[in-house]
Amino acid sequence: MIAILVLLACAPPLNHSPQARFRVGNAIAGEQVTLDASNSSDPDGNFLNVQWRVTDPDGRVLDLPDRPRVNFPADRLGSWDVELEVDDGWLNGTTSDGFHVLNERPEVTTTLWVGDEARRVQGDGGGGVYLSHPDLPPISIDINRTSDADHHEVTHIWETSWPISASEAEAETLDVPNDGPGSWVAELILTDGWETTTLTFDLNCVEF
């Protein structure tokens, strides 16, 4: 009986596996993503070591510190994978989740001017516009308003089927040739640093 009691007294304490827990939500492109493992726990009250494995949409694994709370930029659009492992020095616990980095394309409204007449107000470009010649008044396309739902800065550039200068390519108003019958194509390209929106204007001038 004495030997049995001695063996029981010397047995190591029972250890339980820790529980890995974290939360993460979708992020807007360019924002900081925060991962927090502070809700992870150990039934025995042991200190927990933390290790993160975060994989971006390109398959790149981020180099993150082994801390319960980490931050990193949402610098790729698409689906990200997150794995968390915690251990108490004897046993470990793991969990995984994912999130998406999202972005809304920039939007724009424009007006096509033929002299003082506003021919078309549009936000999506496209469609042919037929104009009559001779005595055609000046033609121009105005950018009325640009917007971005994610509050990113929007920039634009014009690309045309006729030669324009660098300053004209970045102007808010594009002047279209009106020196006779012909066809012209202008593209307005907007970017918010993440995605682009392109509007195409087909302009055809015919004699009557």
Protein backbone atom coordinates (compact mmCIF):
# COMPACT_ATOMS: atom_id res chain seq x y z
CA MET A 1 0.00 0.00 0.00
CA ILE A 2 2.84 2.40 0.80
CA ALA A 3 4.50 1.86 -2.60
CA ILE A 4 1.26 2.63 -4.45
CA LEU A 5 0.77 5.88 -2.59
CA VAL A 6 4.31 6.98 -3.41
CA LEU A 7 3.79 6.36 -7.13
CA LEU A 8 0.58 8.40 -7.19
CA ALA A 9 2.19 11.28 -5.36
CA CYS A 10 5.05 11.42 -7.91
CA ALA A 11 2.83 11.33 -11.03
CA PRO A 12 3.05 14.51 -13.19
CA PRO A 13 0.03 16.79 -13.16
CA LEU A 14 -2.49 16.26 -15.96
CA ASN A 15 -2.14 18.80 -18.83
CA HIS A 16 -4.88 19.92 -21.22
CA SER A 17 -4.61 21.28 -24.75
CA PRO A 18 -4.93 25.06 -25.11
CA GLN A 19 -7.71 26.61 -27.21
CA ALA A 20 -6.69 28.88 -30.11
CA ARG A 21 -9.15 31.66 -30.90
CA PHE A 22 -9.12 34.84 -32.98
CA ARG A 23 -11.44 36.98 -35.05
CA VAL A 24 -10.90 38.81 -38.31
CA GLY A 25 -13.25 40.62 -40.67
CA ASN A 26 -13.05 41.79 -44.26
CA ALA A 27 -10.84 44.81 -44.91
CA ILE A 28 -10.75 47.70 -47.37
CA ALA A 29 -7.67 47.88 -49.60
CA GLY A 30 -4.94 49.94 -47.98
CA GLU A 31 -6.28 49.62 -44.44
CA GLN A 32 -4.49 47.96 -41.54
CA VAL A 33 -5.61 44.45 -40.60
CA THR A 34 -5.46 43.51 -36.92
CA LEU A 35 -5.28 39.93 -35.68
CA ASP A 36 -5.90 39.38 -31.98
CA ALA A 37 -5.40 36.04 -30.23
CA SER A 38 -6.09 37.36 -26.74
CA ASN A 39 -9.23 35.19 -26.46
CA SER A 40 -7.12 32.06 -26.72
CA SER A 41 -6.95 30.18 -23.42
CA ASP A 42 -5.33 27.33 -21.55
CA PRO A 43 -7.46 25.24 -19.16
CA ASP A 44 -4.48 24.86 -16.85
CA GLY A 45 -3.64 28.55 -16.78
CA ASN A 46 -0.29 28.06 -18.52
CA PHE A 47 1.40 30.82 -20.48
CA LEU A 48 0.73 30.50 -24.22
CA ASN A 49 3.17 30.96 -27.05
CA VAL A 50 1.60 32.34 -30.24
CA GLN A 51 2.50 31.79 -33.87
CA TRP A 52 0.68 33.28 -36.89
CA ARG A 53 0.75 32.11 -40.48
CA VAL A 54 -0.89 34.59 -42.86
CA THR A 55 -0.94 33.90 -46.61
CA ASP A 56 -1.89 36.65 -49.08
CA PRO A 57 -3.78 36.10 -52.38
CA ASP A 58 -0.47 35.68 -54.24
CA GLY A 59 0.60 32.82 -51.97
CA ARG A 60 3.13 34.94 -50.09
CA VAL A 61 3.49 34.10 -46.37
CA LEU A 62 3.88 37.20 -44.20
CA ASP A 63 6.72 37.48 -41.70
CA LEU A 64 4.83 38.39 -38.52
CA PRO A 65 6.03 38.59 -34.91
CA ASP A 66 4.99 35.86 -32.48
CA ARG A 67 2.72 38.13 -30.45
CA PRO A 68 -0.96 37.80 -29.52
CA ARG A 69 -1.83 41.02 -31.39
CA VAL A 70 -0.33 41.85 -34.79
CA ASN A 71 -1.01 44.38 -37.56
CA PHE A 72 -0.22 44.40 -41.26
CA PRO A 73 -1.41 46.33 -44.34
CA ALA A 74 -4.14 44.99 -46.61
CA ASP A 75 -1.98 45.46 -49.68
CA ARG A 76 -3.45 42.78 -51.98
CA LEU A 77 -7.02 42.41 -53.24
CA GLY A 78 -8.62 39.01 -52.80
CA SER A 79 -8.79 36.17 -50.28
CA TRP A 80 -6.32 35.84 -47.41
CA ASP A 81 -5.79 32.76 -45.19
CA VAL A 82 -4.93 32.96 -41.50
CA GLU A 83 -3.72 30.14 -39.25
CA LEU A 84 -3.12 30.51 -35.53
CA GLU A 85 -1.19 28.06 -33.36
CA VAL A 86 -0.85 28.40 -29.58
CA ASP A 87 1.12 26.12 -27.28
CA ASP A 88 1.72 25.86 -23.56
CA GLY A 89 5.12 24.19 -23.87
CA TRP A 90 3.63 20.68 -23.95
CA LEU A 91 0.51 20.69 -26.09
CA ASN A 92 -0.76 22.98 -28.83
CA GLY A 93 -4.04 24.17 -30.29
CA THR A 94 -4.73 25.47 -33.78
CA THR A 95 -7.48 27.28 -35.65
CA SER A 96 -7.83 28.94 -39.05
CA ASP A 97 -10.01 31.48 -40.78
CA GLY A 98 -9.88 33.82 -43.74
CA PHE A 99 -10.88 37.27 -44.88
CA HIS A 100 -11.22 39.29 -48.07
CA VAL A 101 -9.57 42.58 -49.01
CA LEU A 102 -12.15 44.56 -50.97
CA ASN A 103 -12.21 47.65 -53.15
CA GLU A 104 -14.88 49.62 -55.02
CA ARG A 105 -13.91 50.93 -58.43
CA PRO A 106 -13.89 54.73 -58.83
CA GLU A 107 -16.90 56.37 -60.48
CA VAL A 108 -17.22 59.41 -62.71
CA THR A 109 -19.86 61.52 -64.44
CA THR A 110 -19.10 63.46 -67.60
CA THR A 111 -20.73 65.89 -70.02
CA LEU A 112 -20.18 66.07 -73.77
CA TRP A 113 -20.42 69.67 -74.95
CA VAL A 114 -21.13 70.71 -78.53
CA GLY A 115 -20.80 74.45 -78.32
CA ASP A 116 -23.07 75.48 -75.45
CA GLU A 117 -25.27 72.41 -75.78
CA ALA A 118 -24.83 69.53 -73.35
CA ARG A 119 -25.36 66.48 -75.52
CA ARG A 120 -24.78 63.73 -73.00
CA VAL A 121 -24.26 63.34 -69.28
CA GLN A 122 -22.99 59.86 -68.55
CA GLY A 123 -21.19 57.81 -65.99
CA ASP A 124 -20.28 54.82 -68.09
CA GLY A 125 -19.05 56.23 -71.43
CA GLY A 126 -19.68 54.10 -74.49
CA GLY A 127 -22.08 54.63 -77.35
CA GLY A 128 -21.43 56.46 -80.60
CA VAL A 129 -22.23 60.16 -80.89
CA TYR A 130 -22.94 61.44 -84.40
CA LEU A 131 -22.37 65.10 -85.18
CA SER A 132 -23.20 67.08 -88.31
CA HIS A 133 -20.75 69.18 -90.31
CA PRO A 134 -20.11 71.87 -91.60
CA ASP A 135 -19.98 74.77 -89.15
CA LEU A 136 -19.46 72.45 -86.21
CA PRO A 137 -19.01 74.36 -82.93
CA PRO A 138 -16.26 73.43 -80.46
CA ILE A 139 -16.56 69.94 -78.93
CA SER A 140 -15.33 69.03 -75.47
CA ILE A 141 -15.81 66.44 -72.74
CA ASP A 142 -15.94 67.61 -69.14
CA ILE A 143 -15.27 65.53 -66.05
CA ASN A 144 -18.02 66.67 -63.71
CA ARG A 145 -17.32 64.57 -60.66
CA THR A 146 -15.20 61.62 -59.58
CA SER A 147 -15.90 59.59 -56.48
CA ASP A 148 -14.57 56.58 -54.63
CA ALA A 149 -16.66 54.70 -52.08
CA ASP A 150 -13.54 53.67 -50.17
CA HIS A 151 -12.25 57.27 -49.97
CA HIS A 152 -9.14 56.55 -52.00
CA GLU A 153 -7.64 59.35 -54.05
CA VAL A 154 -8.78 59.17 -57.68
CA THR A 155 -6.56 60.22 -60.57
CA HIS A 156 -7.31 60.18 -64.29
CA ILE A 157 -5.73 60.35 -67.70
CA TRP A 158 -7.09 60.76 -71.21
CA GLU A 159 -5.98 58.51 -74.07
CA THR A 160 -7.08 59.61 -77.54
CA SER A 161 -6.88 58.58 -81.18
CA TRP A 162 -5.38 62.01 -81.95
CA PRO A 163 -2.19 63.52 -80.54
CA ILE A 164 -2.50 65.41 -77.23
CA SER A 165 0.07 66.87 -74.87
CA ALA A 166 0.86 65.56 -71.39
CA SER A 167 -1.01 68.48 -69.81
CA GLU A 168 -4.05 67.82 -72.01
CA ALA A 169 -3.99 64.16 -70.98
CA GLU A 170 -4.32 65.16 -67.33
CA ALA A 171 -6.84 68.00 -67.81
CA GLU A 172 -10.41 68.02 -66.47
CA THR A 173 -11.69 69.04 -69.93
CA LEU A 174 -10.73 67.35 -73.17
CA ASP A 175 -11.06 69.31 -76.42
CA VAL A 176 -12.04 67.15 -79.42
CA PRO A 177 -10.99 67.98 -83.01
CA ASN A 178 -13.78 69.60 -85.01
CA ASP A 179 -12.01 70.51 -88.22
CA GLY A 180 -14.04 68.31 -90.54
CA PRO A 181 -15.68 64.93 -90.99
CA GLY A 182 -14.01 62.04 -89.18
CA SER A 183 -14.10 59.63 -86.26
CA TRP A 184 -12.38 60.10 -82.92
CA VAL A 185 -12.05 57.83 -79.91
CA ALA A 186 -11.26 59.08 -76.44
CA GLU A 187 -10.78 56.94 -73.32
CA LEU A 188 -10.96 58.33 -69.82
CA ILE A 189 -9.03 56.08 -67.44
CA LEU A 190 -9.49 56.54 -63.69
CA THR A 191 -7.62 54.75 -60.93
CA ASP A 192 -7.84 54.72 -57.15
CA GLY A 193 -4.47 53.01 -56.82
CA TRP A 194 -6.06 49.58 -56.74
CA GLU A 195 -8.41 49.27 -59.72
CA THR A 196 -9.26 51.24 -62.83
CA THR A 197 -12.45 52.42 -64.50
CA THR A 198 -12.36 53.16 -68.23
CA LEU A 199 -14.93 55.19 -70.19
CA THR A 200 -14.82 55.13 -73.98
CA PHE A 201 -16.25 57.90 -76.14
CA ASP A 202 -16.82 57.23 -79.85
CA LEU A 203 -17.36 60.50 -81.75
CA ASN A 204 -18.25 60.52 -85.44
CA CYS A 205 -18.62 63.68 -87.50
CA VAL A 206 -20.43 63.34 -90.81
CA GLU A 207 -21.24 65.81 -93.58
CA PHE A 208 -24.84 66.52 -94.48
